[in-house]
Amino acid sequence: MSDLLDQKELAAALKKLPEWEIEGKALVRTIEFEEFTEAIDFVNDLAEVAEDAQHHPDIDIRYVRVTVSLTTHEVGGITDDDLEIAQRIDNLVD
């Protein structure tokens, strides 16, 4: 299990993940798709990434908008594990 990142580490990480924001103790990104089926395809791809990493995000689907929230519940905040999954999510989208 990873250790919590401090504010300086989080600030540096956000420079590499410009689409993400910190909300409370989570790293959050909302992705908008053109069609509902594209959003669901993305969520299915994301599920495979999460299963592979054994690190599962909270996912909120609102028609063509998918919000992904990453946090390491065991330590109560953002860790390197969350940053790794965020990068993998960005690779799915971009």
N, C-alpha and C. Protein backbone atom coordinates (compact mmCIF):
# COMPACT_ATOMS: atom_id res chain seq x y z
N MET A 1 0.84 -1.18 0.00
CA MET A 1 0.00 0.00 0.00
C MET A 1 0.89 1.25 0.00
N SER A 2 0.49 2.23 -0.75
CA SER A 2 1.24 3.48 -0.86
C SER A 2 0.95 4.40 0.32
N ASP A 3 1.86 5.35 0.51
CA ASP A 3 1.68 6.37 1.54
C ASP A 3 0.93 7.56 0.96
N LEU A 4 0.27 8.30 1.84
CA LEU A 4 -0.39 9.54 1.42
C LEU A 4 0.61 10.51 0.82
N LEU A 5 0.17 11.23 -0.21
CA LEU A 5 1.02 12.26 -0.81
C LEU A 5 0.81 13.57 -0.05
N ASP A 6 1.89 14.33 0.12
CA ASP A 6 1.74 15.62 0.78
C ASP A 6 1.36 16.69 -0.25
N GLN A 7 1.10 17.89 0.19
CA GLN A 7 0.63 18.97 -0.69
C GLN A 7 1.61 19.26 -1.82
N LYS A 8 2.89 19.23 -1.52
CA LYS A 8 3.90 19.51 -2.54
C LYS A 8 3.89 18.41 -3.61
N GLU A 9 3.78 17.17 -3.20
CA GLU A 9 3.73 16.06 -4.15
C GLU A 9 2.46 16.12 -4.99
N LEU A 10 1.35 16.49 -4.36
CA LEU A 10 0.09 16.62 -5.09
C LEU A 10 0.16 17.74 -6.13
N ALA A 11 0.75 18.85 -5.76
CA ALA A 11 0.88 19.97 -6.70
C ALA A 11 1.72 19.56 -7.91
N ALA A 12 2.81 18.84 -7.67
CA ALA A 12 3.66 18.37 -8.77
C ALA A 12 2.90 17.38 -9.65
N ALA A 13 2.12 16.52 -9.03
CA ALA A 13 1.36 15.52 -9.77
C ALA A 13 0.31 16.17 -10.67
N LEU A 14 -0.35 17.21 -10.17
CA LEU A 14 -1.39 17.88 -10.96
C LEU A 14 -0.81 18.55 -12.20
N LYS A 15 0.44 18.92 -12.17
CA LYS A 15 1.07 19.49 -13.37
C LYS A 15 1.17 18.44 -14.47
N LYS A 16 1.30 17.18 -14.08
CA LYS A 16 1.38 16.09 -15.05
C LYS A 16 -0.01 15.55 -15.42
N LEU A 17 -1.00 15.90 -14.62
CA LEU A 17 -2.37 15.45 -14.83
C LEU A 17 -3.31 16.66 -14.86
N PRO A 18 -3.19 17.51 -15.89
CA PRO A 18 -3.91 18.80 -15.89
C PRO A 18 -5.43 18.69 -15.95
N GLU A 19 -5.97 17.56 -16.35
CA GLU A 19 -7.43 17.40 -16.43
C GLU A 19 -8.04 17.02 -15.08
N TRP A 20 -7.21 16.76 -14.09
CA TRP A 20 -7.67 16.29 -12.79
C TRP A 20 -7.67 17.42 -11.77
N GLU A 21 -8.55 17.29 -10.77
CA GLU A 21 -8.63 18.26 -9.67
C GLU A 21 -8.66 17.49 -8.36
N ILE A 22 -8.27 18.17 -7.32
CA ILE A 22 -8.39 17.59 -5.99
C ILE A 22 -9.69 18.09 -5.37
N GLU A 23 -10.52 17.16 -4.95
CA GLU A 23 -11.76 17.49 -4.25
C GLU A 23 -11.75 16.72 -2.95
N GLY A 24 -11.56 17.44 -1.87
CA GLY A 24 -11.45 16.77 -0.57
C GLY A 24 -10.22 15.90 -0.53
N LYS A 25 -10.42 14.61 -0.35
CA LYS A 25 -9.30 13.67 -0.28
C LYS A 25 -9.24 12.78 -1.51
N ALA A 26 -9.74 13.30 -2.64
CA ALA A 26 -9.80 12.51 -3.86
C ALA A 26 -9.30 13.29 -5.07
N LEU A 27 -8.84 12.55 -6.04
CA LEU A 27 -8.44 13.07 -7.33
C LEU A 27 -9.62 12.83 -8.26
N VAL A 28 -10.12 13.88 -8.93
CA VAL A 28 -11.39 13.79 -9.67
C VAL A 28 -11.24 14.35 -11.08
N ARG A 29 -11.85 13.63 -12.03
CA ARG A 29 -11.92 14.11 -13.41
C ARG A 29 -13.29 13.77 -13.98
N THR A 30 -13.87 14.72 -14.72
CA THR A 30 -15.10 14.49 -15.44
C THR A 30 -14.79 14.50 -16.93
N ILE A 31 -15.26 13.45 -17.61
CA ILE A 31 -15.05 13.31 -19.04
C ILE A 31 -16.42 13.34 -19.71
N GLU A 32 -16.53 14.12 -20.77
CA GLU A 32 -17.80 14.20 -21.50
C GLU A 32 -17.63 13.56 -22.87
N PHE A 33 -18.59 12.72 -23.21
CA PHE A 33 -18.57 12.02 -24.48
C PHE A 33 -19.70 12.54 -25.37
N GLU A 34 -19.65 12.18 -26.64
CA GLU A 34 -20.70 12.64 -27.55
C GLU A 34 -21.97 11.82 -27.42
N GLU A 35 -21.82 10.54 -27.07
CA GLU A 35 -22.98 9.67 -26.97
C GLU A 35 -22.89 8.81 -25.72
N PHE A 36 -24.06 8.40 -25.24
CA PHE A 36 -24.15 7.57 -24.04
C PHE A 36 -23.35 6.27 -24.20
N THR A 37 -23.45 5.65 -25.37
CA THR A 37 -22.74 4.38 -25.57
C THR A 37 -21.22 4.55 -25.49
N GLU A 38 -20.72 5.70 -25.90
CA GLU A 38 -19.27 5.97 -25.76
C GLU A 38 -18.89 6.07 -24.29
N ALA A 39 -19.75 6.69 -23.49
CA ALA A 39 -19.49 6.79 -22.06
C ALA A 39 -19.45 5.40 -21.42
N ILE A 40 -20.39 4.55 -21.80
CA ILE A 40 -20.43 3.20 -21.24
C ILE A 40 -19.24 2.38 -21.71
N ASP A 41 -18.85 2.52 -22.97
CA ASP A 41 -17.64 1.82 -23.45
C ASP A 41 -16.42 2.24 -22.65
N PHE A 42 -16.32 3.54 -22.36
CA PHE A 42 -15.20 4.03 -21.55
C PHE A 42 -15.23 3.40 -20.16
N VAL A 43 -16.39 3.35 -19.54
CA VAL A 43 -16.51 2.77 -18.19
C VAL A 43 -16.11 1.30 -18.21
N ASN A 44 -16.50 0.58 -19.24
CA ASN A 44 -16.10 -0.82 -19.36
C ASN A 44 -14.59 -0.96 -19.50
N ASP A 45 -13.97 -0.10 -20.30
CA ASP A 45 -12.50 -0.12 -20.43
C ASP A 45 -11.84 0.25 -19.10
N LEU A 46 -12.41 1.23 -18.43
CA LEU A 46 -11.90 1.64 -17.12
C LEU A 46 -11.98 0.50 -16.11
N ALA A 47 -13.06 -0.26 -16.16
CA ALA A 47 -13.21 -1.39 -15.25
C ALA A 47 -12.08 -2.40 -15.42
N GLU A 48 -11.67 -2.64 -16.66
CA GLU A 48 -10.56 -3.56 -16.91
C GLU A 48 -9.25 -3.02 -16.33
N VAL A 49 -9.00 -1.73 -16.50
CA VAL A 49 -7.80 -1.10 -15.95
C VAL A 49 -7.81 -1.21 -14.42
N ALA A 50 -8.94 -0.92 -13.82
CA ALA A 50 -9.06 -0.95 -12.36
C ALA A 50 -8.86 -2.37 -11.82
N GLU A 51 -9.46 -3.33 -12.48
CA GLU A 51 -9.31 -4.73 -12.05
C GLU A 51 -7.85 -5.17 -12.17
N ASP A 52 -7.22 -4.79 -13.27
CA ASP A 52 -5.82 -5.14 -13.48
C ASP A 52 -4.93 -4.58 -12.37
N ALA A 53 -5.22 -3.36 -11.95
CA ALA A 53 -4.43 -2.69 -10.92
C ALA A 53 -4.91 -3.02 -9.51
N GLN A 54 -6.10 -3.64 -9.40
CA GLN A 54 -6.72 -3.89 -8.10
C GLN A 54 -6.85 -2.59 -7.29
N HIS A 55 -7.25 -1.54 -8.01
CA HIS A 55 -7.46 -0.23 -7.40
C HIS A 55 -8.67 0.38 -8.10
N HIS A 56 -9.79 0.48 -7.39
CA HIS A 56 -11.07 0.77 -8.01
C HIS A 56 -11.57 2.17 -7.69
N PRO A 57 -11.89 2.94 -8.73
CA PRO A 57 -12.40 4.30 -8.53
C PRO A 57 -13.89 4.31 -8.24
N ASP A 58 -14.36 5.42 -7.74
CA ASP A 58 -15.80 5.69 -7.69
C ASP A 58 -16.15 6.29 -9.06
N ILE A 59 -17.24 5.82 -9.64
CA ILE A 59 -17.64 6.25 -10.98
C ILE A 59 -19.08 6.73 -10.94
N ASP A 60 -19.31 7.93 -11.47
CA ASP A 60 -20.64 8.50 -11.56
C ASP A 60 -20.95 8.73 -13.03
N ILE A 61 -22.00 8.09 -13.53
CA ILE A 61 -22.38 8.22 -14.94
C ILE A 61 -23.65 9.05 -15.01
N ARG A 62 -23.58 10.15 -15.74
CA ARG A 62 -24.73 11.02 -15.98
C ARG A 62 -24.87 11.25 -17.48
N TYR A 63 -25.56 10.35 -18.12
CA TYR A 63 -25.79 10.38 -19.56
C TYR A 63 -24.47 10.34 -20.31
N VAL A 64 -23.95 11.47 -20.82
CA VAL A 64 -22.69 11.45 -21.57
C VAL A 64 -21.50 11.92 -20.73
N ARG A 65 -21.74 12.18 -19.44
CA ARG A 65 -20.67 12.65 -18.54
C ARG A 65 -20.33 11.56 -17.54
N VAL A 66 -19.03 11.27 -17.46
CA VAL A 66 -18.54 10.28 -16.49
C VAL A 66 -17.56 10.99 -15.57
N THR A 67 -17.84 10.93 -14.28
CA THR A 67 -16.94 11.49 -13.29
C THR A 67 -16.26 10.35 -12.56
N VAL A 68 -14.93 10.42 -12.53
CA VAL A 68 -14.12 9.40 -11.88
C VAL A 68 -13.46 10.03 -10.66
N SER A 69 -13.56 9.35 -9.54
CA SER A 69 -12.96 9.83 -8.29
C SER A 69 -12.02 8.76 -7.76
N LEU A 70 -10.77 9.16 -7.54
CA LEU A 70 -9.75 8.24 -7.07
C LEU A 70 -9.27 8.63 -5.68
N THR A 71 -9.25 7.67 -4.79
CA THR A 71 -8.68 7.84 -3.46
C THR A 71 -8.30 6.47 -2.94
N THR A 72 -7.34 6.43 -2.06
CA THR A 72 -6.95 5.17 -1.44
C THR A 72 -7.62 5.13 -0.08
N HIS A 73 -8.72 4.41 -0.01
CA HIS A 73 -9.54 4.38 1.19
C HIS A 73 -8.77 3.89 2.42
N GLU A 74 -7.86 2.95 2.23
CA GLU A 74 -7.12 2.38 3.36
C GLU A 74 -6.30 3.41 4.13
N VAL A 75 -5.85 4.46 3.42
CA VAL A 75 -5.04 5.49 4.09
C VAL A 75 -5.74 6.84 4.14
N GLY A 76 -6.93 6.93 3.54
CA GLY A 76 -7.73 8.14 3.65
C GLY A 76 -7.28 9.31 2.80
N GLY A 77 -6.80 9.04 1.59
CA GLY A 77 -6.41 10.14 0.72
C GLY A 77 -5.74 9.65 -0.55
N ILE A 78 -5.03 10.56 -1.19
CA ILE A 78 -4.42 10.32 -2.50
C ILE A 78 -3.01 9.76 -2.33
N THR A 79 -2.74 8.69 -3.09
CA THR A 79 -1.43 8.04 -3.06
C THR A 79 -0.91 7.89 -4.49
N ASP A 80 0.29 7.35 -4.60
CA ASP A 80 0.86 7.06 -5.92
C ASP A 80 -0.02 6.10 -6.72
N ASP A 81 -0.72 5.21 -6.04
CA ASP A 81 -1.63 4.29 -6.72
C ASP A 81 -2.71 5.06 -7.48
N ASP A 82 -3.22 6.11 -6.88
CA ASP A 82 -4.24 6.94 -7.53
C ASP A 82 -3.67 7.67 -8.73
N LEU A 83 -2.45 8.16 -8.60
CA LEU A 83 -1.80 8.86 -9.72
C LEU A 83 -1.58 7.92 -10.89
N GLU A 84 -1.20 6.70 -10.60
CA GLU A 84 -0.97 5.72 -11.66
C GLU A 84 -2.26 5.41 -12.42
N ILE A 85 -3.33 5.20 -11.69
CA ILE A 85 -4.62 4.93 -12.34
C ILE A 85 -5.09 6.16 -13.11
N ALA A 86 -4.90 7.35 -12.57
CA ALA A 86 -5.29 8.58 -13.28
C ALA A 86 -4.57 8.67 -14.62
N GLN A 87 -3.29 8.36 -14.64
CA GLN A 87 -2.54 8.38 -15.91
C GLN A 87 -3.09 7.34 -16.88
N ARG A 88 -3.40 6.18 -16.38
CA ARG A 88 -3.96 5.13 -17.25
C ARG A 88 -5.33 5.54 -17.78
N ILE A 89 -6.12 6.22 -16.97
CA ILE A 89 -7.42 6.73 -17.42
C ILE A 89 -7.22 7.77 -18.51
N ASP A 90 -6.27 8.68 -18.30
CA ASP A 90 -5.98 9.69 -19.32
C ASP A 90 -5.59 9.01 -20.65
N ASN A 91 -4.83 7.92 -20.57
CA ASN A 91 -4.44 7.20 -21.79
C ASN A 91 -5.65 6.60 -22.49
N LEU A 92 -6.67 6.19 -21.75
CA LEU A 92 -7.89 5.67 -22.35
C LEU A 92 -8.66 6.76 -23.10
N VAL A 93 -8.65 7.95 -22.53
CA VAL A 93 -9.45 9.05 -23.07
C VAL A 93 -8.74 9.76 -24.21
N ASP A 94 -7.47 10.00 -24.05
CA ASP A 94 -6.73 10.82 -25.02
C ASP A 94 -6.22 10.05 -26.22
